[in-house]
C-alpha atoms as a PDB file:
ATOM      1  CA  MET A   1      24.814 -17.802  62.678  1.00  0.00           C
ATOM      2  CA  THR A   2      26.126 -21.037  61.979  1.00  0.00           C
ATOM      3  CA  GLN A   3      29.574 -22.054  60.670  1.00  0.00           C
ATOM      4  CA  HIS A   4      28.055 -23.120  57.554  1.00  0.00           C
ATOM      5  CA  TRP A   5      26.281 -19.721  56.872  1.00  0.00           C
ATOM      6  CA  PHE A   6      29.509 -17.766  57.829  1.00  0.00           C
ATOM      7  CA  ARG A   7      31.559 -19.761  55.314  1.00  0.00           C
ATOM      8  CA  HIS A   8      28.777 -19.513  52.609  1.00  0.00           C
ATOM      9  CA  LEU A   9      28.588 -15.736  53.034  1.00  0.00           C
ATOM     10  CA  LEU A  10      32.520 -15.727  53.055  1.00  0.00           C
ATOM     11  CA  ALA A  11      32.788 -17.550  49.914  1.00  0.00           C
ATOM     12  CA  THR A  12      30.184 -15.783  47.986  1.00  0.00           C
ATOM     13  CA  ASN A  13      31.377 -12.279  49.108  1.00  0.00           C
ATOM     14  CA  MET A  14      35.000 -13.022  48.426  1.00  0.00           C
ATOM     15  CA  LEU A  15      34.287 -14.258  44.738  1.00  0.00           C
ATOM     16  CA  ALA A  16      31.775 -11.458  43.856  1.00  0.00           C
ATOM     17  CA  LYS A  17      34.585  -9.213  44.703  1.00  0.00           C
ATOM     18  CA  GLY A  18      37.102 -10.933  42.286  1.00  0.00           C
ATOM     19  CA  ALA A  19      38.968 -13.273  44.648  1.00  0.00           C
ATOM     20  CA  ASP A  20      40.544 -16.284  43.261  1.00  0.00           C
ATOM     21  CA  ILE A  21      39.572 -19.908  44.329  1.00  0.00           C
ATOM     22  CA  ARG A  22      42.709 -20.482  46.237  1.00  0.00           C
ATOM     23  CA  SER A  23      42.352 -17.343  48.292  1.00  0.00           C
ATOM     24  CA  VAL A  24      38.813 -18.406  49.112  1.00  0.00           C
ATOM     25  CA  MET A  25      39.823 -21.860  50.008  1.00  0.00           C
ATOM     26  CA  ALA A  26      42.492 -20.688  52.197  1.00  0.00           C
ATOM     27  CA  GLN A  27      40.468 -18.123  54.221  1.00  0.00           C
ATOM     28  CA  GLY A  28      37.540 -20.439  54.572  1.00  0.00           C
ATOM     29  CA  GLY A  29      39.686 -23.562  55.509  1.00  0.00           C
ATOM     30  CA  TRP A  30      38.530 -25.722  52.446  1.00  0.00           C
ATOM     31  CA  LEU A  31      40.779 -28.291  51.219  1.00  0.00           C
ATOM     32  CA  ASP A  32      38.987 -29.106  47.910  1.00  0.00           C
ATOM     33  CA  ALA A  33      38.350 -26.374  45.202  1.00  0.00           C
ATOM     34  CA  SER A  34      34.979 -28.144  44.341  1.00  0.00           C
ATOM     35  CA  SER A  35      33.825 -27.462  47.711  1.00  0.00           C
ATOM     36  CA  VAL A  36      34.135 -23.414  46.901  1.00  0.00           C
ATOM     37  CA  MET A  37      33.221 -23.479  43.260  1.00  0.00           C
ATOM     38  CA  ILE A  38      29.586 -24.428  44.243  1.00  0.00           C
ATOM     39  CA  TYR A  39      29.454 -20.733  45.645  1.00  0.00           C
ATOM     40  CA  GLY A  40      29.876 -19.574  42.101  1.00  0.00           C
ATOM     41  CA  HIS A  41      26.200 -19.785  41.473  1.00  0.00           C
ATOM     42  CA  ASP A  42      25.543 -16.821  43.647  1.00  0.00           C
ATOM     43  CA  VAL A  43      27.764 -14.502  41.614  1.00  0.00           C
ATOM     44  CA  PRO A  44      26.113 -14.409  38.140  1.00  0.00           C
ATOM     45  CA  GLU A  45      27.858 -11.179  37.146  1.00  0.00           C
ATOM     46  CA  ARG A  46      31.375 -12.407  37.895  1.00  0.00           C
ATOM     47  CA  ARG A  47      30.557 -15.686  35.908  1.00  0.00           C
ATOM     48  CA  ARG A  48      29.132 -13.587  33.175  1.00  0.00           C
ATOM     49  CA  ASN A  49      32.425 -11.510  32.993  1.00  0.00           C
ATOM     50  CA  LEU A  50      34.799 -14.698  32.893  1.00  0.00           C
ATOM     51  CA  VAL A  51      32.613 -15.911  29.810  1.00  0.00           C
ATOM     52  CA  ASN A  52      32.794 -12.643  28.229  1.00  0.00           C
ATOM     53  CA  LEU A  53      36.685 -12.796  28.567  1.00  0.00           C
ATOM     54  CA  LEU A  54      36.849 -16.237  27.059  1.00  0.00           C
ATOM     55  CA  ASP A  55      34.772 -15.054  24.406  1.00  0.00           C
ATOM     56  CA  GLY A  56      36.850 -12.111  23.534  1.00  0.00           C
ATOM     57  CA  ALA A  57      34.424  -9.442  24.914  1.00  0.00           C
ATOM     58  CA  PRO A  58      35.547  -6.752  27.654  1.00  0.00           C
ATOM     59  CA  PRO A  59      34.126  -7.289  31.219  1.00  0.00           C
ATOM     60  CA  GLY A  60      30.704  -6.167  31.215  1.00  0.00           C
ATOM     61  CA  GLY A  61      30.478  -6.246  27.479  1.00  0.00           C
ATOM     62  CA  LYS A  62      28.527  -8.243  25.062  1.00  0.00           C
ATOM     63  CA  PRO A  63      30.116 -11.640  23.797  1.00  0.00           C
ATOM     64  CA  GLY A  64      31.490 -11.521  20.432  1.00  0.00           C
ATOM     65  CA  LYS A  65      31.718  -7.706  20.240  1.00  0.00           C
ATOM     66  CA  ALA A  66      35.384  -7.347  21.231  1.00  0.00           C
ATOM     67  CA  THR A  67      37.389  -4.644  19.667  1.00  0.00           C
ATOM     68  CA  GLY A  68      40.896  -4.357  18.512  1.00  0.00           C
END
């Protein structure tokens, strides 16, 4: 196991479980948010939920189908 592999695993798992970028940066020792954001590609469900929230849909729901 290399340091790179461990940091990749750490960032991917933290992001998948809903950790914010600042927390991931602190835990993994990153100084630049863009270094962490590249790990978001491994978390498509989280990214989809964030897009849905911006579009007004509930997490796990379909965009444009928000109620209320």
